[in-house]
Amino acid sequence: MLALRLTRRAHPAVQLRRLLVAAASAGTGFLLLCTLGHAMSHPDTPAASVLRLAWCAVPAAATVHFAVAVARTDPCTRPRDGLSAIGLGPARQMAFSATTTALSTALGSMLALLFFLHLRGDLTGMPFDGAATEFLAAGTPLPLPAALTLLALVPAAASLSVALVLRPREPRRPSRSPRSPRPSRPTAGSRAARAARVGAGGPPSGGGIPQAPGSATDPSAAHWAPDTPGAPPAPTPTRTPPHPTATLPWGIATLAAGLAAEAYAAHTSTTGLSMPGSPPSGPLGLLLGWALAALGLTLAGPGLTHLCGHLLQAARPGAVRLLAGRVLMEEATRIGRPVGVVCAAGSAAYAVATLQDPDGPAFGPLTTLGVLLVAGCTLATLLTAAVEAKHARADTTAALLRLGAPATMLRGAAALRAGALLTVFGPLAVFVAELAARPLAR
């Protein structure tokens, strides 16, 4: 009930993002149901149905990625004072975000089921004069358990991903060096002897100036502090996030492996794989190479974004370039991965458009829907990550405005960041697309 109440009272912009998640889930659910309809209409070709189901993994992954990005920008997931008093600690906030994501995606899945049943003519008459009966299996009873299982895939994957990303993390304890063993805890007798020596005017054990128990110069301060009533707790070490360039070598290596796998599969494999919806066909190894190349671009995104920030600050930068470069370096992890996903999607779209024969068959409606879903989800994820980054640096922006920084400088820095990312990732997407399409163009 609390999740429903907070969901209903959210800001209109937050509600719009949740509706976009529901729309993406509806599109993906409709594709899954159409795959089920194709399997029912063509029981003699199970391999083609399995291939269609495998292609649905791409829009499903884009939808889950978008749902996680929306959950990260939800105001209810930010730690605020007083929420723990009403039972909304970190674990409950994570559960609330996962529940909200499950509700949004389940709403989209139900809309997809209703639209699918409407097109089949189960609710009303057959629309469009029965033009969609090829992939709807209108004359066959729909197996409801199978349909509900397919529709539950996206809500389950999205809610589990949100719970995994937003789970409360314990701070990492520093490991104790084996060369510095932990000193023994003072006993009651040693404390009494120490107090007697200090009271008699003599120095504590070890000589020197008398030291108060728990003081900064006391070597056993860490052990006296727990015994002193009202002593402040020791500071908790925080978890250091990994550097954005840590995944750059892995991304480059994965990208190179994907391109090499494409070239090897195109020159050695003779068995073709027919794609549903009339996209270019090729061997299975080439598709796996494309997947590796897309994963490599995603992994290399944060590191390349960090390098963009370095390049902006090169050669005696001014205030605008320095501000733009520092923000890119600070937000490399948050922005870089969605930018890498957009680069991978754009590279795949450019390669398919290059290989498409103008005189050949056009894309089918389901392929067009899948392309629109992937493109829309990747762009929406990037915009959502940009909104999250803007909210994260709101205090810094407000401080700059209080110090007298003009608003035109902030807008110029934002435009410079966008131009730097486009300058680096645009040619990279075209280069990868050309290399990926070359084995199929022979």
Protein backbone atom coordinates (compact mmCIF):
# COMPACT_ATOMS: atom_id res chain seq x y z
CA MET A 1 0.00 0.00 0.00
CA LEU A 2 2.83 2.40 0.79
CA ALA A 3 4.40 1.74 -2.64
CA LEU A 4 1.09 2.42 -4.38
CA ARG A 5 0.53 5.60 -2.37
CA LEU A 6 4.01 6.98 -3.10
CA THR A 7 3.67 6.01 -6.75
CA ARG A 8 0.38 7.89 -7.05
CA ARG A 9 1.77 11.06 -5.40
CA ALA A 10 4.98 11.23 -7.49
CA HIS A 11 6.01 14.20 -9.64
CA PRO A 12 4.51 14.33 -13.18
CA ALA A 13 7.98 13.92 -14.73
CA VAL A 14 8.53 10.77 -12.67
CA GLN A 15 5.13 9.47 -13.72
CA LEU A 16 5.98 10.15 -17.37
CA ARG A 17 9.17 8.10 -17.11
CA ARG A 18 7.24 5.24 -15.53
CA LEU A 19 4.67 5.39 -18.33
CA LEU A 20 7.50 5.20 -20.85
CA VAL A 21 8.74 2.07 -19.10
CA ALA A 22 5.22 0.62 -19.32
CA ALA A 23 5.09 1.46 -23.04
CA ALA A 24 8.45 -0.23 -23.67
CA SER A 25 7.29 -3.28 -21.73
CA ALA A 26 4.08 -3.36 -23.77
CA GLY A 27 6.03 -3.34 -27.04
CA THR A 28 8.37 -6.09 -25.88
CA GLY A 29 5.46 -8.17 -24.57
CA PHE A 30 3.67 -7.83 -27.89
CA LEU A 31 6.76 -9.09 -29.72
CA LEU A 32 6.94 -12.09 -27.40
CA LEU A 33 3.27 -12.89 -27.95
CA CYS A 34 3.71 -12.60 -31.72
CA THR A 35 6.57 -15.09 -31.43
CA LEU A 36 4.19 -17.45 -29.64
CA GLY A 37 1.60 -16.90 -32.39
CA HIS A 38 4.18 -17.70 -35.08
CA ALA A 39 5.10 -20.92 -33.28
CA MET A 40 1.42 -21.90 -33.14
CA SER A 41 0.87 -21.07 -36.82
CA HIS A 42 4.02 -22.88 -38.02
CA PRO A 43 4.44 -26.00 -35.88
CA ASP A 44 6.56 -27.63 -38.59
CA THR A 45 9.38 -25.02 -38.34
CA PRO A 46 10.40 -24.83 -34.67
CA ALA A 47 13.86 -23.48 -35.51
CA ALA A 48 12.40 -20.31 -37.03
CA SER A 49 10.26 -19.75 -33.94
CA VAL A 50 13.26 -20.20 -31.64
CA LEU A 51 15.19 -17.70 -33.76
CA ARG A 52 12.38 -15.16 -33.44
CA LEU A 53 12.34 -15.69 -29.68
CA ALA A 54 16.10 -15.15 -29.56
CA TRP A 55 15.74 -11.86 -31.45
CA CYS A 56 13.24 -10.70 -28.81
CA ALA A 57 16.10 -10.75 -26.27
CA VAL A 58 17.50 -7.52 -27.76
CA PRO A 59 14.41 -5.30 -27.15
CA ALA A 60 13.87 -7.07 -23.81
CA ALA A 61 17.41 -6.17 -22.69
CA ALA A 62 16.90 -2.57 -23.86
CA THR A 63 13.65 -2.37 -21.90
CA VAL A 64 15.24 -3.74 -18.71
CA HIS A 65 18.15 -1.31 -19.08
CA PHE A 66 15.73 1.58 -19.42
CA ALA A 67 13.71 0.42 -16.40
CA VAL A 68 16.87 0.32 -14.25
CA ALA A 69 17.84 3.83 -15.35
CA VAL A 70 14.37 5.15 -14.47
CA ALA A 71 14.51 3.45 -11.06
CA ARG A 72 17.89 5.09 -10.34
CA THR A 73 16.45 8.55 -10.97
CA ASP A 74 13.37 7.96 -8.81
CA PRO A 75 13.33 10.52 -5.95
CA CYS A 76 12.11 7.84 -3.55
CA THR A 77 15.43 6.01 -3.86
CA ARG A 78 17.48 8.96 -2.57
CA PRO A 79 18.40 8.85 1.13
CA ARG A 80 16.58 11.56 3.07
CA ASP A 81 16.29 12.42 6.73
CA GLY A 82 13.30 10.98 8.51
CA LEU A 83 12.58 8.13 6.09
CA SER A 84 14.09 5.51 8.38
CA ALA A 85 11.76 6.64 11.17
CA ILE A 86 8.73 5.61 9.12
CA GLY A 87 10.26 2.33 8.02
CA LEU A 88 11.83 3.41 4.71
CA GLY A 89 15.44 2.47 5.21
CA PRO A 90 17.81 1.51 2.37
CA ALA A 91 16.39 -2.01 2.12
CA ARG A 92 12.80 -0.81 2.06
CA GLN A 93 13.63 1.85 -0.54
CA MET A 94 15.19 -0.84 -2.73
CA ALA A 95 12.08 -3.00 -2.30
CA PHE A 96 9.86 -0.02 -3.12
CA SER A 97 11.79 0.68 -6.36
CA ALA A 98 11.65 -2.98 -7.38
CA THR A 99 7.90 -3.07 -6.66
CA THR A 100 7.27 0.13 -8.62
CA THR A 101 9.26 -1.23 -11.57
CA ALA A 102 7.34 -4.50 -11.43
CA LEU A 103 4.02 -2.61 -11.43
CA SER A 104 5.01 -0.45 -14.42
CA THR A 105 6.27 -3.35 -16.51
CA ALA A 106 3.33 -5.57 -15.54
CA LEU A 107 0.95 -2.83 -16.66
CA GLY A 108 2.69 -2.77 -20.03
CA SER A 109 2.52 -6.55 -20.31
CA MET A 110 -1.22 -6.55 -19.62
CA LEU A 111 -1.75 -3.87 -22.28
CA ALA A 112 0.22 -6.00 -24.73
CA LEU A 113 -1.99 -9.00 -23.94
CA LEU A 114 -5.18 -6.99 -24.44
CA PHE A 115 -3.94 -5.59 -27.76
CA PHE A 116 -2.83 -9.04 -28.91
CA LEU A 117 -6.23 -10.53 -28.04
CA HIS A 118 -7.93 -7.65 -29.84
CA LEU A 119 -5.93 -8.27 -33.01
CA ARG A 120 -6.74 -11.99 -32.84
CA GLY A 121 -10.44 -11.19 -32.62
CA ASP A 122 -10.89 -12.83 -29.21
CA LEU A 123 -12.36 -9.68 -27.65
CA THR A 124 -14.16 -8.16 -30.65
CA GLY A 125 -14.28 -8.85 -34.36
CA MET A 126 -11.14 -9.38 -36.42
CA PRO A 127 -9.63 -5.91 -37.18
CA PHE A 128 -7.80 -4.93 -40.37
CA ASP A 129 -9.76 -7.59 -42.33
CA GLY A 130 -7.57 -10.35 -40.87
CA ALA A 131 -4.31 -8.99 -42.36
CA ALA A 132 -2.30 -9.93 -39.23
CA THR A 133 -3.35 -13.56 -38.97
CA GLU A 134 0.08 -14.84 -40.10
CA PHE A 135 1.80 -14.19 -36.77
CA LEU A 136 -1.29 -14.15 -34.49
CA ALA A 137 -2.62 -17.71 -34.94
CA ALA A 138 -6.16 -16.41 -34.94
CA GLY A 139 -7.74 -19.78 -35.63
CA THR A 140 -5.94 -21.58 -32.79
CA PRO A 141 -6.86 -21.33 -29.10
CA LEU A 142 -4.26 -19.30 -27.20
CA PRO A 143 -2.45 -21.27 -24.45
CA LEU A 144 -2.86 -18.86 -21.55
CA PRO A 145 -0.10 -20.32 -19.31
CA ALA A 146 2.47 -19.96 -22.09
CA ALA A 147 1.34 -16.40 -22.83
CA LEU A 148 1.51 -15.38 -19.16
CA THR A 149 4.95 -16.97 -18.81
CA LEU A 150 6.29 -14.94 -21.72
CA LEU A 151 4.68 -11.76 -20.40
CA ALA A 152 6.22 -12.30 -16.95
CA LEU A 153 9.78 -12.36 -18.32
CA VAL A 154 10.24 -8.60 -18.63
CA PRO A 155 8.67 -7.65 -15.24
CA ALA A 156 10.68 -10.33 -13.44
CA ALA A 157 13.97 -9.39 -15.13
CA ALA A 158 13.39 -5.66 -14.59
CA SER A 159 12.47 -5.93 -10.90
CA LEU A 160 15.38 -8.29 -10.16
CA SER A 161 17.81 -5.98 -11.97
CA VAL A 162 16.56 -2.96 -10.02
CA ALA A 163 16.88 -4.87 -6.73
CA LEU A 164 20.42 -5.91 -7.67
CA VAL A 165 21.53 -2.41 -8.67
CA LEU A 166 19.93 -0.57 -5.75
CA ARG A 167 20.68 -3.11 -3.04
CA PRO A 168 22.22 -1.60 0.14
CA ARG A 169 25.96 -2.21 0.17
CA GLU A 170 28.00 -2.61 3.32
CA PRO A 171 31.22 -0.58 3.51
CA ARG A 172 34.35 -2.54 2.84
CA ARG A 173 36.47 -3.09 5.96
CA PRO A 174 40.20 -2.45 5.50
CA SER A 175 42.27 -5.59 5.82
CA ARG A 176 44.71 -5.68 8.74
CA SER A 177 48.37 -6.07 7.84
CA PRO A 178 49.92 -9.30 9.08
CA ARG A 179 53.01 -7.39 10.22
CA SER A 180 51.07 -5.21 12.64
CA PRO A 181 49.21 -7.55 14.97
CA ARG A 182 46.34 -6.14 16.93
CA PRO A 183 47.45 -5.09 20.41
CA SER A 184 45.88 -6.90 23.29
CA ARG A 185 42.91 -5.29 24.98
CA PRO A 186 43.80 -3.69 28.37
CA THR A 187 42.52 -5.68 31.29
CA ALA A 188 40.94 -4.25 34.42
CA GLY A 189 44.14 -4.84 36.39
CA SER A 190 46.34 -3.01 33.91
CA ARG A 191 43.91 -0.09 33.87
CA ALA A 192 43.99 0.13 37.64
CA ALA A 193 47.79 0.01 37.71
CA ARG A 194 47.96 2.70 35.08
CA ALA A 195 45.59 4.94 37.02
CA ALA A 196 47.62 4.41 40.21
CA ARG A 197 50.84 5.43 38.48
CA VAL A 198 49.28 8.54 37.00
CA GLY A 199 47.70 9.48 40.34
CA ALA A 200 51.01 9.09 42.13
CA GLY A 201 52.67 11.56 39.82
CA GLY A 202 54.57 9.00 37.81
CA PRO A 203 54.30 8.63 34.08
CA PRO A 204 52.19 5.91 32.55
CA SER A 205 53.79 2.69 31.44
CA GLY A 206 56.32 3.38 28.72
CA GLY A 207 57.34 6.80 30.14
CA GLY A 208 56.65 10.18 28.64
CA ILE A 209 53.86 12.65 29.23
CA PRO A 210 50.68 11.31 30.82
CA GLN A 211 48.05 10.74 28.18
CA ALA A 212 44.31 10.70 28.64
CA PRO A 213 42.68 7.43 27.77
CA GLY A 214 41.14 7.63 24.33
CA SER A 215 43.13 10.71 23.27
CA ALA A 216 44.57 11.08 19.80
CA THR A 217 48.13 10.43 21.06
CA ASP A 218 47.22 7.35 23.08
CA PRO A 219 48.33 4.22 21.18
CA SER A 220 45.44 2.26 22.64
CA ALA A 221 42.84 4.91 21.87
CA ALA A 222 41.00 2.59 19.56
CA HIS A 223 40.57 0.11 22.41
CA TRP A 224 39.78 2.64 25.16
CA ALA A 225 37.06 4.32 23.10
CA PRO A 226 34.55 1.43 23.29
CA ASP A 227 34.87 1.35 27.07
CA THR A 228 34.27 5.07 27.51
CA PRO A 229 30.58 5.96 27.86
CA GLY A 230 29.46 8.44 25.23
CA ALA A 231 32.60 8.10 23.10
CA PRO A 232 32.01 8.82 19.40
CA PRO A 233 32.10 5.75 17.16
CA ALA A 234 35.07 5.17 14.93
CA PRO A 235 34.65 6.46 11.37
CA THR A 236 33.32 3.86 8.98
CA PRO A 237 35.49 3.36 5.89
CA THR A 238 33.71 3.99 2.60
CA ARG A 239 33.84 1.88 -0.53
CA THR A 240 36.03 3.41 -3.22
CA PRO A 241 34.32 3.23 -6.63
CA PRO A 242 36.38 1.82 -9.50
CA HIS A 243 38.04 4.23 -11.88
CA PRO A 244 36.09 4.82 -15.13
CA THR A 245 39.08 3.74 -17.23
CA ALA A 246 39.28 0.37 -15.49
CA THR A 247 36.97 -1.28 -18.04
CA LEU A 248 38.50 0.46 -21.08
CA PRO A 249 41.08 -2.30 -21.84
CA TRP A 250 38.41 -4.96 -21.43
CA GLY A 251 36.09 -3.06 -23.75
CA ILE A 252 38.75 -2.68 -26.43
CA ALA A 253 39.70 -6.34 -26.16
CA THR A 254 36.05 -7.45 -26.38
CA LEU A 255 35.44 -5.18 -29.37
CA ALA A 256 38.51 -6.55 -31.17
CA ALA A 257 37.45 -10.12 -30.38
CA GLY A 258 33.97 -9.46 -31.78
CA LEU A 259 35.30 -7.99 -35.02
CA ALA A 260 37.75 -10.88 -35.38
CA ALA A 261 34.96 -13.40 -34.79
CA GLU A 262 32.86 -11.74 -37.50
CA ALA A 263 35.68 -11.89 -40.04
CA TYR A 264 36.50 -15.50 -39.18
CA ALA A 265 32.86 -16.63 -39.37
CA ALA A 266 32.29 -14.87 -42.70
CA HIS A 267 35.29 -16.59 -44.34
CA THR A 268 34.95 -20.08 -42.88
CA SER A 269 31.26 -20.74 -42.32
CA THR A 270 29.06 -21.88 -45.17
CA THR A 271 25.78 -22.40 -43.32
CA GLY A 272 23.57 -19.35 -43.39
CA LEU A 273 21.10 -18.16 -40.81
CA SER A 274 17.89 -16.61 -42.09
CA MET A 275 16.83 -13.57 -40.07
CA PRO A 276 13.15 -12.88 -39.38
CA GLY A 277 11.76 -9.69 -40.84
CA SER A 278 14.06 -9.51 -43.89
CA PRO A 279 17.26 -8.11 -42.34
CA PRO A 280 20.60 -9.20 -43.81
CA SER A 281 21.32 -12.89 -43.24
CA GLY A 282 24.60 -14.54 -42.36
CA PRO A 283 26.27 -17.25 -40.28
CA LEU A 284 25.61 -17.60 -36.57
CA GLY A 285 29.22 -16.77 -35.69
CA LEU A 286 28.83 -13.37 -37.30
CA LEU A 287 25.87 -12.57 -35.06
CA LEU A 288 27.88 -13.60 -32.01
CA GLY A 289 30.66 -11.31 -33.21
CA TRP A 290 28.22 -8.43 -33.47
CA ALA A 291 27.07 -9.12 -29.91
CA LEU A 292 30.67 -9.10 -28.66
CA ALA A 293 31.37 -5.85 -30.50
CA ALA A 294 28.31 -4.21 -28.92
CA LEU A 295 29.39 -5.43 -25.48
CA GLY A 296 32.86 -4.01 -26.09
CA LEU A 297 31.48 -0.58 -26.96
CA THR A 298 29.36 -0.65 -23.79
CA LEU A 299 32.34 -1.55 -21.61
CA ALA A 300 34.58 1.06 -23.24
CA GLY A 301 32.00 3.85 -22.86
CA PRO A 302 33.01 5.11 -19.37
CA GLY A 303 36.72 5.10 -20.19
CA LEU A 304 36.22 6.95 -23.48
CA THR A 305 34.02 9.50 -21.73
CA HIS A 306 36.74 10.05 -19.14
CA LEU A 307 39.28 10.55 -21.92
CA CYS A 308 36.94 13.09 -23.54
CA GLY A 309 37.07 15.08 -20.32
CA HIS A 310 40.88 14.94 -20.40
CA LEU A 311 40.96 16.15 -24.00
CA LEU A 312 38.70 19.09 -23.23
CA GLN A 313 41.14 20.30 -20.59
CA ALA A 314 44.24 20.01 -22.79
CA ALA A 315 46.24 22.97 -24.12
CA ARG A 316 45.60 25.74 -21.56
CA PRO A 317 41.82 25.47 -21.14
CA GLY A 318 39.53 28.34 -20.24
CA ALA A 319 36.79 28.34 -17.65
CA VAL A 320 34.18 26.76 -19.94
CA ARG A 321 36.47 23.97 -21.18
CA LEU A 322 37.76 23.29 -17.69
CA LEU A 323 34.23 23.05 -16.29
CA ALA A 324 33.04 20.81 -19.14
CA GLY A 325 36.05 18.51 -18.83
CA ARG A 326 35.77 18.19 -15.07
CA VAL A 327 32.08 17.33 -15.27
CA LEU A 328 32.72 14.69 -17.94
CA MET A 329 35.43 13.10 -15.83
CA GLU A 330 33.20 13.15 -12.75
CA GLU A 331 30.16 11.72 -14.56
CA ALA A 332 32.06 9.27 -16.78
CA THR A 333 30.69 6.18 -15.08
CA ARG A 334 27.10 7.42 -15.00
CA ILE A 335 27.01 8.80 -18.56
CA GLY A 336 29.59 6.65 -20.34
CA ARG A 337 27.77 3.34 -20.28
CA PRO A 338 24.49 4.66 -21.79
CA VAL A 339 26.54 6.51 -24.40
CA GLY A 340 28.32 3.25 -25.23
CA VAL A 341 24.97 1.46 -25.59
CA VAL A 342 23.69 4.20 -27.93
CA CYS A 343 26.92 3.93 -29.92
CA ALA A 344 26.46 0.15 -30.23
CA ALA A 345 22.82 0.53 -31.32
CA GLY A 346 23.74 3.23 -33.85
CA SER A 347 26.57 1.10 -35.20
CA ALA A 348 24.23 -1.86 -35.71
CA ALA A 349 21.60 0.34 -37.39
CA TYR A 350 24.21 1.85 -39.72
CA ALA A 351 25.55 -1.59 -40.65
CA VAL A 352 22.07 -2.98 -41.39
CA ALA A 353 21.18 0.11 -43.45
CA THR A 354 24.39 -0.28 -45.43
CA LEU A 355 23.71 -3.94 -46.19
CA GLN A 356 20.01 -3.52 -46.99
CA ASP A 357 19.21 -4.03 -50.66
CA PRO A 358 16.97 -1.21 -52.00
CA ASP A 359 15.30 -3.66 -54.40
CA GLY A 360 14.88 -6.37 -51.77
CA PRO A 361 11.97 -6.89 -49.38
CA ALA A 362 11.34 -4.16 -46.85
CA PHE A 363 11.37 -4.67 -43.11
CA GLY A 364 8.27 -6.27 -41.68
CA PRO A 365 6.10 -4.60 -39.05
CA LEU A 366 7.51 -6.65 -36.18
CA THR A 367 11.10 -5.87 -37.18
CA THR A 368 10.23 -2.19 -37.40
CA LEU A 369 8.66 -2.35 -33.95
CA GLY A 370 11.75 -4.03 -32.53
CA VAL A 371 14.06 -1.44 -34.08
CA LEU A 372 11.94 1.41 -32.72
CA LEU A 373 11.90 -0.21 -29.28
CA VAL A 374 15.68 -0.61 -29.14
CA ALA A 375 16.38 2.88 -30.49
CA GLY A 376 13.80 4.53 -28.24
CA CYS A 377 14.91 2.70 -25.10
CA THR A 378 18.60 3.43 -25.65
CA LEU A 379 18.00 7.14 -26.28
CA ALA A 380 15.58 7.38 -23.35
CA THR A 381 18.15 5.67 -21.11
CA LEU A 382 20.80 8.19 -22.15
CA LEU A 383 18.47 11.13 -21.46
CA THR A 384 17.49 9.63 -18.10
CA ALA A 385 21.17 9.23 -17.15
CA ALA A 386 21.74 12.87 -18.13
CA VAL A 387 18.88 13.91 -15.85
CA GLU A 388 20.38 11.84 -13.04
CA ALA A 389 23.77 13.50 -13.55
CA LYS A 390 22.14 16.94 -13.51
CA HIS A 391 20.44 16.18 -10.20
CA ALA A 392 23.70 14.83 -8.76
CA ARG A 393 25.56 18.08 -9.43
CA ALA A 394 22.67 20.41 -8.51
CA ASP A 395 24.52 21.69 -5.42
CA THR A 396 27.62 22.50 -7.46
CA THR A 397 25.55 24.34 -10.07
CA ALA A 398 23.78 26.34 -7.38
CA ALA A 399 27.12 27.24 -5.79
CA LEU A 400 28.49 28.46 -9.13
CA LEU A 401 25.41 30.62 -9.68
CA ARG A 402 25.77 32.11 -6.18
CA LEU A 403 29.40 32.96 -6.95
CA GLY A 404 28.28 34.93 -10.01
CA ALA A 405 28.87 32.45 -12.83
CA PRO A 406 26.66 33.39 -15.81
CA ALA A 407 24.05 30.90 -16.95
CA THR A 408 25.45 31.13 -20.50
CA MET A 409 28.71 29.61 -19.27
CA LEU A 410 26.86 26.61 -17.85
CA ARG A 411 24.90 26.15 -21.08
CA GLY A 412 28.10 26.50 -23.10
CA ALA A 413 29.80 23.83 -20.97
CA ALA A 414 26.83 21.48 -21.51
CA ALA A 415 26.95 22.04 -25.28
CA LEU A 416 30.71 21.48 -25.25
CA ARG A 417 30.29 18.18 -23.40
CA ALA A 418 27.68 16.99 -25.91
CA GLY A 419 29.90 18.04 -28.82
CA ALA A 420 32.92 16.23 -27.39
CA LEU A 421 30.96 13.00 -26.92
CA LEU A 422 29.52 13.23 -30.42
CA THR A 423 32.97 13.90 -31.89
CA VAL A 424 34.47 10.82 -30.26
CA PHE A 425 31.61 8.31 -30.36
CA GLY A 426 30.14 9.26 -33.77
CA PRO A 427 33.17 8.30 -35.89
CA LEU A 428 33.74 5.28 -33.63
CA ALA A 429 30.22 3.98 -34.35
CA VAL A 430 30.70 4.46 -38.10
CA PHE A 431 34.12 2.77 -38.00
CA VAL A 432 32.81 -0.26 -36.11
CA ALA A 433 29.77 -0.48 -38.41
CA GLU A 434 31.97 -0.47 -41.51
CA LEU A 435 34.18 -3.22 -40.09
CA ALA A 436 31.14 -5.24 -39.02
CA ALA A 437 29.39 -4.92 -42.38
CA ARG A 438 32.44 -5.67 -44.53
CA PRO A 439 32.34 -9.48 -44.10
CA LEU A 440 28.69 -9.57 -45.28
CA ALA A 441 29.23 -7.17 -48.17
CA ARG A 442 31.51 -9.53 -50.13
